[in-house]
Amino acid sequence: MPPKPPLLPKPDKLTSLEFISLSDDSFFENLDLSGIDAMGSEASDVTIESSRISRTELTDSALIGLKLTDVFLEKTNLLNADIEKARLLRVEFLGSRLMGTKFTTSNLEHVTFKDCSLDYALFRFSKLKHVRFEKCVLTDADFQAAELTDVSFVDCSLENVEFSHAKLKDIDFSGSKLDGMHATPEQLRGATIDFSQVTHFIQLLGIKIK
């Protein structure tokens, strides 16, 4: 099933802020954050619900245990951010930069990434369910030992992506570039591909065509 979109209040029900201070166990809801510079923030178990975040800078932040529910993020930077043990439910990232972001040991459910940069992003030991990556760059991303269920990679760049020891179920790779992707034939059983990817999968299976 496609991911469920965030359930957001009407714009006039959101509170606009020009500055936000993140501290341990802080809770925010019904916010409209735009143009915020929170680069290098450090806090654990921050919760944000029913909010819109755009053009916000969170590069190099350490937000362990971050909880996002019904949140829409547009053109937001999380480069090299550490959000280990995050819990994301009905979250959408649009046109955002997440290169090197650490999602290690996180839970992502009903999450969409569209037109995002996720090079070198770490999803090790994470659980992804009903997640869609669309037109995203995931070069050298790492899903080692992760559990992916009903996850779509549509028109993405998946060069050198690591899936070793990952559990893959109901995966769609349609339109994606798969050169150098590390996965076994057993892991990819039942995956959806398009005609242009047939040769790649034949090579992965070790089959030679004369």
N, C-alpha and C. Protein backbone atom coordinates (compact mmCIF):
# COMPACT_ATOMS: atom_id res chain seq x y z
N MET A 1 0.84 -1.18 0.00
CA MET A 1 0.00 0.00 0.00
C MET A 1 0.89 1.25 0.00
N PRO A 2 0.44 2.34 -0.61
CA PRO A 2 1.23 3.58 -0.57
C PRO A 2 1.25 4.14 0.85
N PRO A 3 2.32 4.83 1.21
CA PRO A 3 2.37 5.40 2.56
C PRO A 3 1.22 6.38 2.80
N LYS A 4 0.71 6.37 3.99
CA LYS A 4 -0.32 7.35 4.36
C LYS A 4 0.34 8.72 4.54
N PRO A 5 -0.28 9.78 4.03
CA PRO A 5 0.32 11.12 4.17
C PRO A 5 0.16 11.65 5.59
N PRO A 6 0.95 12.66 5.95
CA PRO A 6 0.79 13.26 7.28
C PRO A 6 -0.60 13.87 7.44
N LEU A 7 -1.15 13.75 8.62
CA LEU A 7 -2.43 14.37 8.95
C LEU A 7 -2.14 15.72 9.59
N LEU A 8 -2.28 16.78 8.81
CA LEU A 8 -1.88 18.10 9.27
C LEU A 8 -3.09 19.00 9.52
N PRO A 9 -3.00 19.86 10.52
CA PRO A 9 -4.07 20.83 10.76
C PRO A 9 -4.12 21.84 9.60
N LYS A 10 -5.21 22.59 9.51
CA LYS A 10 -5.30 23.65 8.51
C LYS A 10 -4.23 24.70 8.82
N PRO A 11 -3.73 25.39 7.77
CA PRO A 11 -2.65 26.37 7.98
C PRO A 11 -2.94 27.39 9.07
N ASP A 12 -4.20 27.82 9.21
CA ASP A 12 -4.50 28.84 10.22
C ASP A 12 -4.49 28.28 11.64
N LYS A 13 -4.32 26.96 11.75
CA LYS A 13 -4.24 26.34 13.08
C LYS A 13 -2.79 26.09 13.51
N LEU A 14 -1.85 26.43 12.62
CA LEU A 14 -0.44 26.24 12.92
C LEU A 14 0.17 27.52 13.51
N THR A 15 1.08 27.34 14.42
CA THR A 15 1.77 28.46 15.05
C THR A 15 3.15 28.64 14.42
N SER A 16 3.41 29.83 13.87
CA SER A 16 4.70 30.11 13.24
C SER A 16 5.72 30.54 14.28
N LEU A 17 6.93 29.99 14.16
CA LEU A 17 8.02 30.37 15.04
C LEU A 17 9.21 30.82 14.21
N GLU A 18 9.95 31.82 14.70
CA GLU A 18 11.16 32.28 14.05
C GLU A 18 12.40 31.64 14.66
N PHE A 19 12.22 30.96 15.79
CA PHE A 19 13.35 30.34 16.49
C PHE A 19 12.83 29.17 17.29
N ILE A 20 13.63 28.10 17.36
CA ILE A 20 13.23 26.96 18.17
C ILE A 20 14.45 26.45 18.94
N SER A 21 14.26 26.17 20.19
CA SER A 21 15.32 25.64 21.05
C SER A 21 14.97 24.20 21.40
N LEU A 22 15.83 23.27 21.02
CA LEU A 22 15.59 21.86 21.25
C LEU A 22 16.34 21.40 22.49
N SER A 23 15.61 20.79 23.42
CA SER A 23 16.22 20.26 24.63
C SER A 23 15.68 18.87 24.88
N ASP A 24 16.30 18.13 25.77
CA ASP A 24 15.88 16.75 26.04
C ASP A 24 14.40 16.69 26.43
N ASP A 25 13.70 15.72 25.81
CA ASP A 25 12.29 15.44 26.13
C ASP A 25 11.34 16.59 25.78
N SER A 26 11.78 17.53 24.93
CA SER A 26 10.88 18.62 24.56
C SER A 26 9.79 18.12 23.61
N PHE A 27 8.62 18.78 23.67
CA PHE A 27 7.45 18.37 22.88
C PHE A 27 6.90 19.58 22.14
N PHE A 28 6.64 19.40 20.84
CA PHE A 28 6.09 20.47 20.01
C PHE A 28 4.97 19.91 19.15
N GLU A 29 3.94 20.73 18.93
CA GLU A 29 2.88 20.32 18.02
C GLU A 29 2.26 21.55 17.35
N ASN A 30 1.64 21.29 16.20
CA ASN A 30 0.93 22.33 15.45
C ASN A 30 1.83 23.54 15.14
N LEU A 31 3.06 23.24 14.69
CA LEU A 31 4.01 24.30 14.38
C LEU A 31 4.20 24.46 12.87
N ASP A 32 4.50 25.69 12.47
CA ASP A 32 4.93 25.99 11.11
C ASP A 32 6.31 26.60 11.22
N LEU A 33 7.34 25.79 10.97
CA LEU A 33 8.72 26.24 11.09
C LEU A 33 9.28 26.49 9.70
N SER A 34 9.72 27.70 9.45
CA SER A 34 10.25 28.03 8.14
C SER A 34 11.50 28.90 8.29
N GLY A 35 12.57 28.50 7.62
CA GLY A 35 13.79 29.27 7.64
C GLY A 35 14.50 29.26 8.98
N ILE A 36 14.31 28.21 9.77
CA ILE A 36 14.93 28.12 11.09
C ILE A 36 16.36 27.59 10.96
N ASP A 37 17.30 28.18 11.68
CA ASP A 37 18.66 27.67 11.72
C ASP A 37 18.89 27.02 13.08
N ALA A 38 18.82 25.68 13.11
CA ALA A 38 19.08 24.92 14.34
C ALA A 38 20.25 23.97 14.12
N MET A 39 21.17 24.38 13.28
CA MET A 39 22.33 23.56 12.95
C MET A 39 23.12 23.18 14.21
N GLY A 40 23.49 21.90 14.27
CA GLY A 40 24.30 21.44 15.39
C GLY A 40 23.54 21.27 16.69
N SER A 41 22.22 21.22 16.63
CA SER A 41 21.43 21.02 17.85
C SER A 41 21.72 19.66 18.46
N GLU A 42 21.66 19.60 19.79
CA GLU A 42 21.86 18.34 20.50
C GLU A 42 20.75 18.18 21.53
N ALA A 43 19.96 17.11 21.40
CA ALA A 43 18.88 16.84 22.34
C ALA A 43 18.40 15.41 22.11
N SER A 44 17.88 14.79 23.14
CA SER A 44 17.37 13.43 23.01
C SER A 44 15.87 13.41 23.27
N ASP A 45 15.21 12.46 22.58
CA ASP A 45 13.78 12.21 22.78
C ASP A 45 12.91 13.44 22.53
N VAL A 46 13.26 14.22 21.50
CA VAL A 46 12.42 15.34 21.08
C VAL A 46 11.22 14.79 20.31
N THR A 47 10.03 15.32 20.58
CA THR A 47 8.81 14.90 19.90
C THR A 47 8.21 16.09 19.15
N ILE A 48 7.92 15.89 17.87
CA ILE A 48 7.26 16.91 17.05
C ILE A 48 6.06 16.25 16.37
N GLU A 49 4.89 16.84 16.52
CA GLU A 49 3.66 16.28 15.95
C GLU A 49 2.89 17.34 15.16
N SER A 50 2.20 16.88 14.13
CA SER A 50 1.25 17.70 13.38
C SER A 50 1.85 19.05 12.99
N SER A 51 2.99 19.02 12.31
CA SER A 51 3.72 20.26 12.02
C SER A 51 4.30 20.25 10.61
N ARG A 52 4.55 21.47 10.10
CA ARG A 52 5.22 21.67 8.82
C ARG A 52 6.58 22.31 9.07
N ILE A 53 7.61 21.76 8.42
CA ILE A 53 8.96 22.27 8.58
C ILE A 53 9.54 22.50 7.18
N SER A 54 9.99 23.72 6.91
CA SER A 54 10.53 24.02 5.58
C SER A 54 11.77 24.90 5.69
N ARG A 55 12.71 24.69 4.76
CA ARG A 55 13.94 25.49 4.68
C ARG A 55 14.60 25.64 6.04
N THR A 56 14.63 24.53 6.77
CA THR A 56 15.20 24.54 8.12
C THR A 56 16.54 23.80 8.12
N GLU A 57 17.48 24.32 8.87
CA GLU A 57 18.85 23.80 8.90
C GLU A 57 19.09 23.00 10.17
N LEU A 58 19.29 21.68 10.00
CA LEU A 58 19.58 20.79 11.13
C LEU A 58 20.85 19.98 10.88
N THR A 59 21.68 20.46 9.99
CA THR A 59 22.93 19.78 9.67
C THR A 59 23.78 19.57 10.92
N ASP A 60 24.40 18.39 10.99
CA ASP A 60 25.31 18.03 12.09
C ASP A 60 24.63 18.00 13.47
N SER A 61 23.32 17.87 13.47
CA SER A 61 22.60 17.78 14.75
C SER A 61 22.63 16.35 15.29
N ALA A 62 22.51 16.22 16.60
CA ALA A 62 22.40 14.92 17.26
C ALA A 62 21.07 14.90 18.00
N LEU A 63 20.08 14.25 17.40
CA LEU A 63 18.73 14.20 17.95
C LEU A 63 18.33 12.75 18.16
N ILE A 64 18.99 12.10 19.09
CA ILE A 64 18.78 10.68 19.35
C ILE A 64 17.35 10.48 19.88
N GLY A 65 16.67 9.47 19.32
CA GLY A 65 15.33 9.17 19.78
C GLY A 65 14.28 10.15 19.28
N LEU A 66 14.56 10.88 18.20
CA LEU A 66 13.61 11.84 17.65
C LEU A 66 12.31 11.15 17.27
N LYS A 67 11.18 11.77 17.64
CA LYS A 67 9.87 11.22 17.32
C LYS A 67 9.09 12.22 16.48
N LEU A 68 8.78 11.83 15.23
CA LEU A 68 8.00 12.67 14.33
C LEU A 68 6.71 11.94 13.97
N THR A 69 5.58 12.59 14.20
CA THR A 69 4.29 12.03 13.83
C THR A 69 3.49 13.09 13.09
N ASP A 70 3.03 12.75 11.89
CA ASP A 70 2.26 13.69 11.06
C ASP A 70 3.05 14.98 10.84
N VAL A 71 4.23 14.82 10.23
CA VAL A 71 5.12 15.96 9.99
C VAL A 71 5.49 15.99 8.50
N PHE A 72 5.45 17.18 7.92
CA PHE A 72 5.84 17.41 6.53
C PHE A 72 7.09 18.27 6.53
N LEU A 73 8.17 17.77 5.90
CA LEU A 73 9.44 18.50 5.85
C LEU A 73 9.80 18.78 4.40
N GLU A 74 10.02 20.05 4.08
CA GLU A 74 10.35 20.44 2.72
C GLU A 74 11.64 21.26 2.71
N LYS A 75 12.56 20.88 1.82
CA LYS A 75 13.83 21.59 1.67
C LYS A 75 14.51 21.81 3.01
N THR A 76 14.54 20.75 3.79
CA THR A 76 15.16 20.79 5.11
C THR A 76 16.47 20.01 5.07
N ASN A 77 17.50 20.54 5.71
CA ASN A 77 18.83 19.92 5.69
C ASN A 77 19.08 19.15 6.98
N LEU A 78 19.41 17.86 6.81
CA LEU A 78 19.79 17.00 7.93
C LEU A 78 21.10 16.30 7.61
N LEU A 79 21.99 16.99 6.93
CA LEU A 79 23.25 16.37 6.52
C LEU A 79 24.05 15.94 7.75
N ASN A 80 24.48 14.68 7.73
CA ASN A 80 25.30 14.11 8.81
C ASN A 80 24.63 14.19 10.18
N ALA A 81 23.33 14.36 10.19
CA ALA A 81 22.61 14.38 11.48
C ALA A 81 22.51 12.96 12.03
N ASP A 82 22.53 12.85 13.34
CA ASP A 82 22.39 11.57 14.01
C ASP A 82 21.02 11.51 14.67
N ILE A 83 20.11 10.73 14.07
CA ILE A 83 18.78 10.56 14.67
C ILE A 83 18.54 9.08 14.98
N GLU A 84 19.58 8.45 15.47
CA GLU A 84 19.49 7.05 15.88
C GLU A 84 18.29 6.83 16.80
N LYS A 85 17.65 5.68 16.64
CA LYS A 85 16.48 5.28 17.44
C LYS A 85 15.28 6.20 17.20
N ALA A 86 15.22 6.82 16.02
CA ALA A 86 14.08 7.68 15.68
C ALA A 86 12.82 6.86 15.47
N ARG A 87 11.67 7.52 15.66
CA ARG A 87 10.36 6.92 15.41
C ARG A 87 9.60 7.88 14.49
N LEU A 88 9.41 7.46 13.24
CA LEU A 88 8.76 8.32 12.26
C LEU A 88 7.46 7.66 11.79
N LEU A 89 6.34 8.36 11.95
CA LEU A 89 5.04 7.84 11.56
C LEU A 89 4.29 8.91 10.76
N ARG A 90 3.88 8.56 9.56
CA ARG A 90 3.21 9.48 8.64
C ARG A 90 4.02 10.77 8.50
N VAL A 91 5.20 10.59 7.90
CA VAL A 91 6.13 11.70 7.70
C VAL A 91 6.49 11.77 6.22
N GLU A 92 6.60 12.98 5.70
CA GLU A 92 7.00 13.16 4.30
C GLU A 92 8.16 14.14 4.20
N PHE A 93 9.22 13.71 3.49
CA PHE A 93 10.37 14.55 3.19
C PHE A 93 10.31 14.92 1.71
N LEU A 94 10.35 16.20 1.40
CA LEU A 94 10.30 16.64 0.01
C LEU A 94 11.50 17.55 -0.26
N GLY A 95 12.28 17.19 -1.28
CA GLY A 95 13.39 18.03 -1.70
C GLY A 95 14.37 18.33 -0.59
N SER A 96 14.59 17.37 0.30
CA SER A 96 15.45 17.60 1.46
C SER A 96 16.80 16.92 1.29
N ARG A 97 17.79 17.40 2.03
CA ARG A 97 19.16 16.87 1.95
C ARG A 97 19.45 16.09 3.22
N LEU A 98 19.67 14.78 3.04
CA LEU A 98 19.90 13.89 4.17
C LEU A 98 21.16 13.04 3.94
N MET A 99 22.15 13.62 3.30
CA MET A 99 23.38 12.87 3.04
C MET A 99 24.08 12.53 4.35
N GLY A 100 24.36 11.25 4.54
CA GLY A 100 25.05 10.81 5.74
C GLY A 100 24.21 10.79 7.00
N THR A 101 22.91 11.02 6.87
CA THR A 101 22.04 11.00 8.05
C THR A 101 22.00 9.59 8.64
N LYS A 102 22.06 9.50 9.95
CA LYS A 102 22.07 8.21 10.64
C LYS A 102 20.68 7.90 11.17
N PHE A 103 20.00 6.96 10.49
CA PHE A 103 18.70 6.46 10.94
C PHE A 103 18.86 5.12 11.67
N THR A 104 20.03 4.82 12.13
CA THR A 104 20.33 3.50 12.71
C THR A 104 19.33 3.14 13.82
N THR A 105 18.88 1.88 13.78
CA THR A 105 17.97 1.33 14.80
C THR A 105 16.71 2.19 14.95
N SER A 106 16.18 2.65 13.82
CA SER A 106 14.97 3.47 13.84
C SER A 106 13.77 2.70 13.31
N ASN A 107 12.58 3.24 13.55
CA ASN A 107 11.34 2.70 13.00
C ASN A 107 10.71 3.75 12.10
N LEU A 108 10.51 3.40 10.83
CA LEU A 108 9.87 4.29 9.88
C LEU A 108 8.63 3.60 9.33
N GLU A 109 7.48 4.20 9.52
CA GLU A 109 6.23 3.62 9.03
C GLU A 109 5.38 4.70 8.36
N HIS A 110 4.95 4.40 7.15
CA HIS A 110 4.21 5.37 6.34
C HIS A 110 5.02 6.65 6.17
N VAL A 111 6.22 6.48 5.58
CA VAL A 111 7.14 7.59 5.36
C VAL A 111 7.45 7.70 3.87
N THR A 112 7.46 8.93 3.37
CA THR A 112 7.77 9.18 1.96
C THR A 112 8.98 10.10 1.86
N PHE A 113 9.94 9.71 1.00
CA PHE A 113 11.06 10.57 0.64
C PHE A 113 10.93 10.86 -0.86
N LYS A 114 10.80 12.10 -1.24
CA LYS A 114 10.66 12.45 -2.66
C LYS A 114 11.67 13.54 -3.03
N ASP A 115 12.40 13.29 -4.11
CA ASP A 115 13.41 14.25 -4.58
C ASP A 115 14.41 14.60 -3.48
N CYS A 116 14.83 13.60 -2.74
CA CYS A 116 15.76 13.82 -1.63
C CYS A 116 17.14 13.23 -1.94
N SER A 117 18.16 13.81 -1.31
CA SER A 117 19.52 13.29 -1.40
C SER A 117 19.82 12.51 -0.13
N LEU A 118 20.09 11.20 -0.27
CA LEU A 118 20.34 10.34 0.87
C LEU A 118 21.64 9.56 0.69
N ASP A 119 22.60 10.12 -0.03
CA ASP A 119 23.89 9.45 -0.20
C ASP A 119 24.49 9.14 1.17
N TYR A 120 25.01 7.93 1.30
CA TYR A 120 25.69 7.49 2.53
C TYR A 120 24.78 7.48 3.77
N ALA A 121 23.48 7.60 3.59
CA ALA A 121 22.58 7.52 4.75
C ALA A 121 22.64 6.12 5.36
N LEU A 122 22.53 6.04 6.67
CA LEU A 122 22.62 4.77 7.39
C LEU A 122 21.25 4.37 7.93
N PHE A 123 20.75 3.21 7.46
CA PHE A 123 19.51 2.64 7.97
C PHE A 123 19.77 1.29 8.64
N ARG A 124 20.98 1.07 9.11
CA ARG A 124 21.34 -0.22 9.69
C ARG A 124 20.42 -0.59 10.85
N PHE A 125 19.98 -1.84 10.87
CA PHE A 125 19.18 -2.41 11.96
C PHE A 125 17.85 -1.67 12.16
N SER A 126 17.41 -0.94 11.15
CA SER A 126 16.14 -0.21 11.24
C SER A 126 15.00 -1.04 10.65
N LYS A 127 13.78 -0.64 10.98
CA LYS A 127 12.58 -1.27 10.44
C LYS A 127 11.83 -0.25 9.60
N LEU A 128 11.62 -0.58 8.32
CA LEU A 128 10.90 0.30 7.41
C LEU A 128 9.67 -0.44 6.90
N LYS A 129 8.51 0.16 7.06
CA LYS A 129 7.26 -0.46 6.62
C LYS A 129 6.39 0.60 5.95
N HIS A 130 5.91 0.27 4.75
CA HIS A 130 5.12 1.23 3.96
C HIS A 130 5.92 2.52 3.76
N VAL A 131 7.11 2.38 3.17
CA VAL A 131 7.99 3.51 2.93
C VAL A 131 8.24 3.63 1.42
N ARG A 132 8.25 4.85 0.92
CA ARG A 132 8.46 5.09 -0.51
C ARG A 132 9.58 6.10 -0.71
N PHE A 133 10.58 5.68 -1.51
CA PHE A 133 11.63 6.57 -1.96
C PHE A 133 11.36 6.86 -3.44
N GLU A 134 11.15 8.11 -3.78
CA GLU A 134 10.83 8.46 -5.17
C GLU A 134 11.79 9.53 -5.68
N LYS A 135 12.47 9.21 -6.77
CA LYS A 135 13.43 10.13 -7.38
C LYS A 135 14.46 10.61 -6.36
N CYS A 136 14.96 9.67 -5.59
CA CYS A 136 15.95 9.98 -4.57
C CYS A 136 17.32 9.41 -4.95
N VAL A 137 18.37 10.04 -4.46
CA VAL A 137 19.72 9.54 -4.63
C VAL A 137 20.14 8.85 -3.34
N LEU A 138 20.39 7.53 -3.43
CA LEU A 138 20.77 6.73 -2.27
C LEU A 138 22.13 6.06 -2.49
N THR A 139 22.98 6.67 -3.28
CA THR A 139 24.29 6.10 -3.57
C THR A 139 25.05 5.81 -2.27
N ASP A 140 25.53 4.58 -2.14
CA ASP A 140 26.31 4.14 -0.97
C ASP A 140 25.52 4.18 0.34
N ALA A 141 24.19 4.21 0.26
CA ALA A 141 23.39 4.10 1.49
C ALA A 141 23.51 2.69 2.06
N ASP A 142 23.28 2.54 3.36
CA ASP A 142 23.53 1.27 4.05
C ASP A 142 22.27 0.81 4.79
N PHE A 143 21.71 -0.31 4.32
CA PHE A 143 20.55 -0.94 4.96
C PHE A 143 20.94 -2.27 5.61
N GLN A 144 22.16 -2.39 6.03
CA GLN A 144 22.63 -3.65 6.59
C GLN A 144 21.77 -4.10 7.77
N ALA A 145 21.32 -5.36 7.71
CA ALA A 145 20.55 -5.99 8.78
C ALA A 145 19.24 -5.26 9.09
N ALA A 146 18.76 -4.45 8.15
CA ALA A 146 17.48 -3.77 8.33
C ALA A 146 16.33 -4.69 7.91
N GLU A 147 15.11 -4.33 8.30
CA GLU A 147 13.91 -5.05 7.88
C GLU A 147 13.05 -4.11 7.05
N LEU A 148 12.88 -4.46 5.76
CA LEU A 148 12.10 -3.62 4.85
C LEU A 148 10.87 -4.39 4.39
N THR A 149 9.71 -3.83 4.65
CA THR A 149 8.45 -4.44 4.26
C THR A 149 7.61 -3.42 3.49
N ASP A 150 7.21 -3.78 2.28
CA ASP A 150 6.42 -2.88 1.43
C ASP A 150 7.15 -1.55 1.26
N VAL A 151 8.37 -1.63 0.74
CA VAL A 151 9.19 -0.44 0.50
C VAL A 151 9.41 -0.29 -1.00
N SER A 152 9.22 0.92 -1.51
CA SER A 152 9.39 1.19 -2.93
C SER A 152 10.56 2.13 -3.16
N PHE A 153 11.39 1.76 -4.15
CA PHE A 153 12.47 2.62 -4.63
C PHE A 153 12.14 2.93 -6.09
N VAL A 154 11.47 4.02 -6.34
CA VAL A 154 10.98 4.33 -7.69
C VAL A 154 11.83 5.43 -8.31
N ASP A 155 12.46 5.10 -9.43
CA ASP A 155 13.29 6.07 -10.16
C ASP A 155 14.38 6.65 -9.25
N CYS A 156 15.02 5.80 -8.50
CA CYS A 156 16.07 6.22 -7.57
C CYS A 156 17.45 5.77 -8.06
N SER A 157 18.47 6.37 -7.50
CA SER A 157 19.85 5.93 -7.73
C SER A 157 20.27 5.08 -6.54
N LEU A 158 20.47 3.77 -6.79
CA LEU A 158 20.81 2.83 -5.72
C LEU A 158 22.19 2.23 -5.93
N GLU A 159 23.08 2.96 -6.58
CA GLU A 159 24.42 2.43 -6.82
C GLU A 159 25.14 2.16 -5.50
N ASN A 160 25.70 0.96 -5.42
CA ASN A 160 26.51 0.54 -4.27
C ASN A 160 25.74 0.52 -2.95
N VAL A 161 24.44 0.40 -3.01
CA VAL A 161 23.67 0.31 -1.76
C VAL A 161 23.90 -1.04 -1.11
N GLU A 162 24.01 -1.05 0.21
CA GLU A 162 24.32 -2.26 0.97
C GLU A 162 23.05 -2.83 1.60
N PHE A 163 22.71 -4.07 1.20
CA PHE A 163 21.56 -4.76 1.79
C PHE A 163 21.98 -6.05 2.50
N SER A 164 23.25 -6.21 2.82
CA SER A 164 23.70 -7.46 3.42
C SER A 164 22.96 -7.74 4.73
N HIS A 165 22.49 -8.99 4.85
CA HIS A 165 21.78 -9.48 6.04
C HIS A 165 20.44 -8.77 6.28
N ALA A 166 19.98 -7.99 5.30
CA ALA A 166 18.68 -7.33 5.44
C ALA A 166 17.55 -8.29 5.06
N LYS A 167 16.38 -8.08 5.67
CA LYS A 167 15.18 -8.84 5.32
C LYS A 167 14.31 -7.97 4.42
N LEU A 168 14.10 -8.44 3.19
CA LEU A 168 13.37 -7.66 2.20
C LEU A 168 12.08 -8.38 1.82
N LYS A 169 10.96 -7.67 1.93
CA LYS A 169 9.67 -8.25 1.59
C LYS A 169 8.83 -7.21 0.85
N ASP A 170 8.30 -7.61 -0.30
CA ASP A 170 7.45 -6.73 -1.10
C ASP A 170 8.18 -5.43 -1.45
N ILE A 171 9.33 -5.58 -2.13
CA ILE A 171 10.15 -4.44 -2.50
C ILE A 171 9.96 -4.13 -3.98
N ASP A 172 9.85 -2.84 -4.32
CA ASP A 172 9.68 -2.40 -5.70
C ASP A 172 10.88 -1.55 -6.09
N PHE A 173 11.61 -2.01 -7.11
CA PHE A 173 12.80 -1.30 -7.59
C PHE A 173 12.55 -0.60 -8.93
N SER A 174 11.33 -0.43 -9.33
CA SER A 174 11.00 0.05 -10.68
C SER A 174 11.70 1.36 -11.02
N GLY A 175 12.39 1.34 -12.16
CA GLY A 175 13.01 2.56 -12.67
C GLY A 175 14.29 2.98 -11.99
N SER A 176 14.77 2.19 -11.04
CA SER A 176 15.95 2.60 -10.28
C SER A 176 17.25 2.05 -10.87
N LYS A 177 18.34 2.77 -10.64
CA LYS A 177 19.67 2.33 -11.05
C LYS A 177 20.24 1.45 -9.94
N LEU A 178 20.66 0.23 -10.30
CA LEU A 178 21.04 -0.76 -9.30
C LEU A 178 22.51 -1.18 -9.38
N ASP A 179 23.31 -0.48 -10.16
CA ASP A 179 24.70 -0.87 -10.36
C ASP A 179 25.44 -0.95 -9.03
N GLY A 180 26.07 -2.11 -8.79
CA GLY A 180 26.87 -2.29 -7.59
C GLY A 180 26.07 -2.54 -6.33
N MET A 181 24.76 -2.71 -6.45
CA MET A 181 23.93 -2.98 -5.27
C MET A 181 24.31 -4.32 -4.66
N HIS A 182 24.46 -4.37 -3.34
CA HIS A 182 24.88 -5.59 -2.66
C HIS A 182 23.67 -6.28 -2.03
N ALA A 183 23.23 -7.36 -2.68
CA ALA A 183 22.11 -8.15 -2.18
C ALA A 183 22.19 -9.54 -2.81
N THR A 184 21.69 -10.52 -2.11
CA THR A 184 21.71 -11.89 -2.62
C THR A 184 20.41 -12.19 -3.37
N PRO A 185 20.43 -13.18 -4.28
CA PRO A 185 19.20 -13.57 -4.96
C PRO A 185 18.09 -13.95 -4.00
N GLU A 186 18.44 -14.59 -2.90
CA GLU A 186 17.42 -14.99 -1.92
C GLU A 186 16.73 -13.77 -1.32
N GLN A 187 17.48 -12.74 -1.05
CA GLN A 187 16.89 -11.52 -0.49
C GLN A 187 15.92 -10.86 -1.46
N LEU A 188 16.22 -10.97 -2.76
CA LEU A 188 15.44 -10.25 -3.77
C LEU A 188 14.28 -11.05 -4.32
N ARG A 189 14.06 -12.24 -3.78
CA ARG A 189 12.95 -13.07 -4.27
C ARG A 189 11.62 -12.34 -4.05
N GLY A 190 10.83 -12.22 -5.10
CA GLY A 190 9.52 -11.56 -5.01
C GLY A 190 9.56 -10.07 -5.25
N ALA A 191 10.75 -9.51 -5.50
CA ALA A 191 10.86 -8.07 -5.74
C ALA A 191 10.25 -7.71 -7.09
N THR A 192 9.77 -6.48 -7.21
CA THR A 192 9.22 -5.97 -8.46
C THR A 192 10.29 -5.17 -9.19
N ILE A 193 10.50 -5.50 -10.46
CA ILE A 193 11.46 -4.78 -11.29
C ILE A 193 10.79 -4.42 -12.61
N ASP A 194 11.47 -3.59 -13.41
CA ASP A 194 10.96 -3.31 -14.75
C ASP A 194 11.86 -3.98 -15.79
N PHE A 195 11.47 -3.90 -17.05
CA PHE A 195 12.16 -4.64 -18.09
C PHE A 195 13.62 -4.22 -18.21
N SER A 196 13.90 -2.94 -17.99
CA SER A 196 15.28 -2.45 -18.16
C SER A 196 16.23 -3.02 -17.11
N GLN A 197 15.68 -3.59 -16.04
CA GLN A 197 16.52 -4.12 -14.96
C GLN A 197 16.74 -5.63 -15.06
N VAL A 198 16.15 -6.25 -16.06
CA VAL A 198 16.23 -7.70 -16.18
C VAL A 198 17.68 -8.17 -16.31
N THR A 199 18.47 -7.50 -17.15
CA THR A 199 19.86 -7.91 -17.35
C THR A 199 20.64 -7.85 -16.05
N HIS A 200 20.41 -6.81 -15.27
CA HIS A 200 21.12 -6.68 -14.00
C HIS A 200 20.80 -7.86 -13.08
N PHE A 201 19.54 -8.23 -13.02
CA PHE A 201 19.14 -9.32 -12.12
C PHE A 201 19.64 -10.66 -12.65
N ILE A 202 19.72 -10.83 -13.96
CA ILE A 202 20.29 -12.06 -14.52
C ILE A 202 21.76 -12.19 -14.11
N GLN A 203 22.49 -11.08 -14.18
CA GLN A 203 23.89 -11.10 -13.77
C GLN A 203 24.01 -11.39 -12.28
N LEU A 204 23.12 -10.86 -11.48
CA LEU A 204 23.14 -11.10 -10.05
C LEU A 204 22.93 -12.58 -9.74
N LEU A 205 22.15 -13.24 -10.55
CA LEU A 205 21.88 -14.66 -10.36
C LEU A 205 23.01 -15.53 -10.91
N GLY A 206 23.98 -14.91 -11.55
CA GLY A 206 25.11 -15.67 -12.09
C GLY A 206 24.79 -16.41 -13.36
N ILE A 207 23.72 -16.00 -14.06
CA ILE A 207 23.31 -16.66 -15.30
C ILE A 207 24.04 -16.02 -16.48
N LYS A 208 24.57 -16.82 -17.37
CA LYS A 208 25.24 -16.33 -18.56
C LYS A 208 24.34 -16.56 -19.77
N ILE A 209 24.23 -15.53 -20.60
CA ILE A 209 23.42 -15.63 -21.81
C ILE A 209 24.34 -15.67 -23.02
N LYS A 210 24.17 -16.70 -23.86
CA LYS A 210 24.99 -16.83 -25.07
C LYS A 210 24.22 -16.32 -26.27
